[in-house]
Amino acid sequence: MSINPDLLEKLRCPACVQQSDEDSRLDLVNEVWLVCQHCDRKYPIRDDIPVMLIDEGSRWQSTPVAELPAVPPEPAV
């Protein structure tokens, strides 16, 4: 599983983009998480598709990177 480097360069944290002019770049972590450099929201990548929903990123915001699941779980229904 991997994300295209060109796509990674273009993706930004949707929460930060809405709220400020801060750098909202995302770091790829363990090939299955995108972590915002500014706010620390963590967006999962499921089935090779980044889930760029603010609620989903906020759900993992307080979880340390080292404690993120190796496989992002499906969202609660």
C-alpha atoms as a PDB file:
ATOM      1  CA  MET A   1       0.000   0.000   0.000  1.00  0.00           C
ATOM      2  CA  SER A   2       1.448   3.346  -0.955  1.00  0.00           C
ATOM      3  CA  ILE A   3       0.293   6.829  -1.781  1.00  0.00           C
ATOM      4  CA  ASN A   4       1.475   8.596  -4.894  1.00  0.00           C
ATOM      5  CA  PRO A   5       4.164  11.166  -3.956  1.00  0.00           C
ATOM      6  CA  ASP A   6       2.554  13.763  -6.260  1.00  0.00           C
ATOM      7  CA  LEU A   7      -0.772  13.347  -4.454  1.00  0.00           C
ATOM      8  CA  LEU A   8       0.931  13.555  -1.059  1.00  0.00           C
ATOM      9  CA  GLU A   9       2.560  16.836  -2.088  1.00  0.00           C
ATOM     10  CA  LYS A  10      -0.866  18.326  -2.912  1.00  0.00           C
ATOM     11  CA  LEU A  11      -2.899  17.052   0.034  1.00  0.00           C
ATOM     12  CA  ARG A  12      -3.429  19.418   2.964  1.00  0.00           C
ATOM     13  CA  CYS A  13      -5.245  19.098   6.265  1.00  0.00           C
ATOM     14  CA  PRO A  14      -8.818  20.232   5.556  1.00  0.00           C
ATOM     15  CA  ALA A  15      -9.269  21.604   9.097  1.00  0.00           C
ATOM     16  CA  CYS A  16      -6.155  23.793   8.939  1.00  0.00           C
ATOM     17  CA  VAL A  17      -6.888  25.025   5.438  1.00  0.00           C
ATOM     18  CA  GLN A  18     -10.302  26.263   6.630  1.00  0.00           C
ATOM     19  CA  GLN A  19      -9.044  27.862   9.838  1.00  0.00           C
ATOM     20  CA  SER A  20      -5.740  29.531   9.016  1.00  0.00           C
ATOM     21  CA  ASP A  21      -2.865  30.129   6.662  1.00  0.00           C
ATOM     22  CA  GLU A  22      -0.620  27.775   8.657  1.00  0.00           C
ATOM     23  CA  ASP A  23       1.329  25.106   6.844  1.00  0.00           C
ATOM     24  CA  SER A  24      -1.078  22.205   6.714  1.00  0.00           C
ATOM     25  CA  ARG A  25       1.186  19.664   5.022  1.00  0.00           C
ATOM     26  CA  LEU A  26       0.694  16.015   5.813  1.00  0.00           C
ATOM     27  CA  ASP A  27       3.328  13.423   6.673  1.00  0.00           C
ATOM     28  CA  LEU A  28       2.832   9.823   5.597  1.00  0.00           C
ATOM     29  CA  VAL A  29       3.203   7.522   8.605  1.00  0.00           C
ATOM     30  CA  ASN A  30       3.392   3.720   8.367  1.00  0.00           C
ATOM     31  CA  GLU A  31       1.919   3.926   4.850  1.00  0.00           C
ATOM     32  CA  VAL A  32      -1.624   4.101   6.328  1.00  0.00           C
ATOM     33  CA  TRP A  33      -1.842   7.459   8.129  1.00  0.00           C
ATOM     34  CA  LEU A  34      -1.538  11.091   7.061  1.00  0.00           C
ATOM     35  CA  VAL A  35      -0.513  13.303   9.980  1.00  0.00           C
ATOM     36  CA  CYS A  36      -0.886  17.085   9.870  1.00  0.00           C
ATOM     37  CA  GLN A  37       2.353  18.890  10.728  1.00  0.00           C
ATOM     38  CA  HIS A  38       0.399  21.772  12.278  1.00  0.00           C
ATOM     39  CA  CYS A  39      -2.576  20.427  14.259  1.00  0.00           C
ATOM     40  CA  ASP A  40      -1.599  16.749  14.605  1.00  0.00           C
ATOM     41  CA  ARG A  41      -4.873  15.439  13.180  1.00  0.00           C
ATOM     42  CA  LYS A  42      -4.398  11.964  11.770  1.00  0.00           C
ATOM     43  CA  TYR A  43      -6.245  10.867   8.655  1.00  0.00           C
ATOM     44  CA  PRO A  44      -6.400   7.149   7.859  1.00  0.00           C
ATOM     45  CA  ILE A  45      -5.793   5.641   4.449  1.00  0.00           C
ATOM     46  CA  ARG A  46      -8.269   2.837   3.788  1.00  0.00           C
ATOM     47  CA  ASP A  47      -8.110   0.708   0.649  1.00  0.00           C
ATOM     48  CA  ASP A  48      -5.463   3.099  -0.743  1.00  0.00           C
ATOM     49  CA  ILE A  49      -7.834   6.076  -0.357  1.00  0.00           C
ATOM     50  CA  PRO A  50      -7.057   8.901   2.096  1.00  0.00           C
ATOM     51  CA  VAL A  51     -10.070   9.627   4.319  1.00  0.00           C
ATOM     52  CA  MET A  52      -9.831  13.413   4.501  1.00  0.00           C
ATOM     53  CA  LEU A  53     -12.839  14.050   6.740  1.00  0.00           C
ATOM     54  CA  ILE A  54     -12.184  16.510   9.572  1.00  0.00           C
ATOM     55  CA  ASP A  55     -14.187  14.385  12.034  1.00  0.00           C
ATOM     56  CA  GLU A  56     -12.062  11.357  11.183  1.00  0.00           C
ATOM     57  CA  GLY A  57      -8.809  13.281  11.608  1.00  0.00           C
ATOM     58  CA  SER A  58     -10.011  14.769  14.890  1.00  0.00           C
ATOM     59  CA  ARG A  59     -10.912  11.313  16.190  1.00  0.00           C
ATOM     60  CA  TRP A  60      -7.199  10.406  16.220  1.00  0.00           C
ATOM     61  CA  GLN A  61      -5.774  13.838  17.083  1.00  0.00           C
ATOM     62  CA  SER A  62      -4.844  13.007  20.682  1.00  0.00           C
ATOM     63  CA  THR A  63      -3.452   9.558  19.835  1.00  0.00           C
ATOM     64  CA  PRO A  64       0.358   9.521  19.739  1.00  0.00           C
ATOM     65  CA  VAL A  65       1.763   8.405  16.387  1.00  0.00           C
ATOM     66  CA  ALA A  66       3.438   5.410  18.054  1.00  0.00           C
ATOM     67  CA  GLU A  67       0.020   4.216  19.278  1.00  0.00           C
ATOM     68  CA  LEU A  68      -1.862   4.462  15.963  1.00  0.00           C
ATOM     69  CA  PRO A  69      -3.263   1.133  14.797  1.00  0.00           C
ATOM     70  CA  ALA A  70      -1.219  -0.596  12.086  1.00  0.00           C
ATOM     71  CA  VAL A  71      -4.469  -0.986  10.141  1.00  0.00           C
ATOM     72  CA  PRO A  72      -6.924   1.904  10.508  1.00  0.00           C
ATOM     73  CA  PRO A  73     -10.243   0.600  11.835  1.00  0.00           C
ATOM     74  CA  GLU A  74     -13.465   1.325  10.055  1.00  0.00           C
ATOM     75  CA  PRO A  75     -15.369   4.325  11.451  1.00  0.00           C
ATOM     76  CA  ALA A  76     -17.973   3.669  14.125  1.00  0.00           C
ATOM     77  CA  VAL A  77     -21.516   3.599  12.789  1.00  0.00           C
END
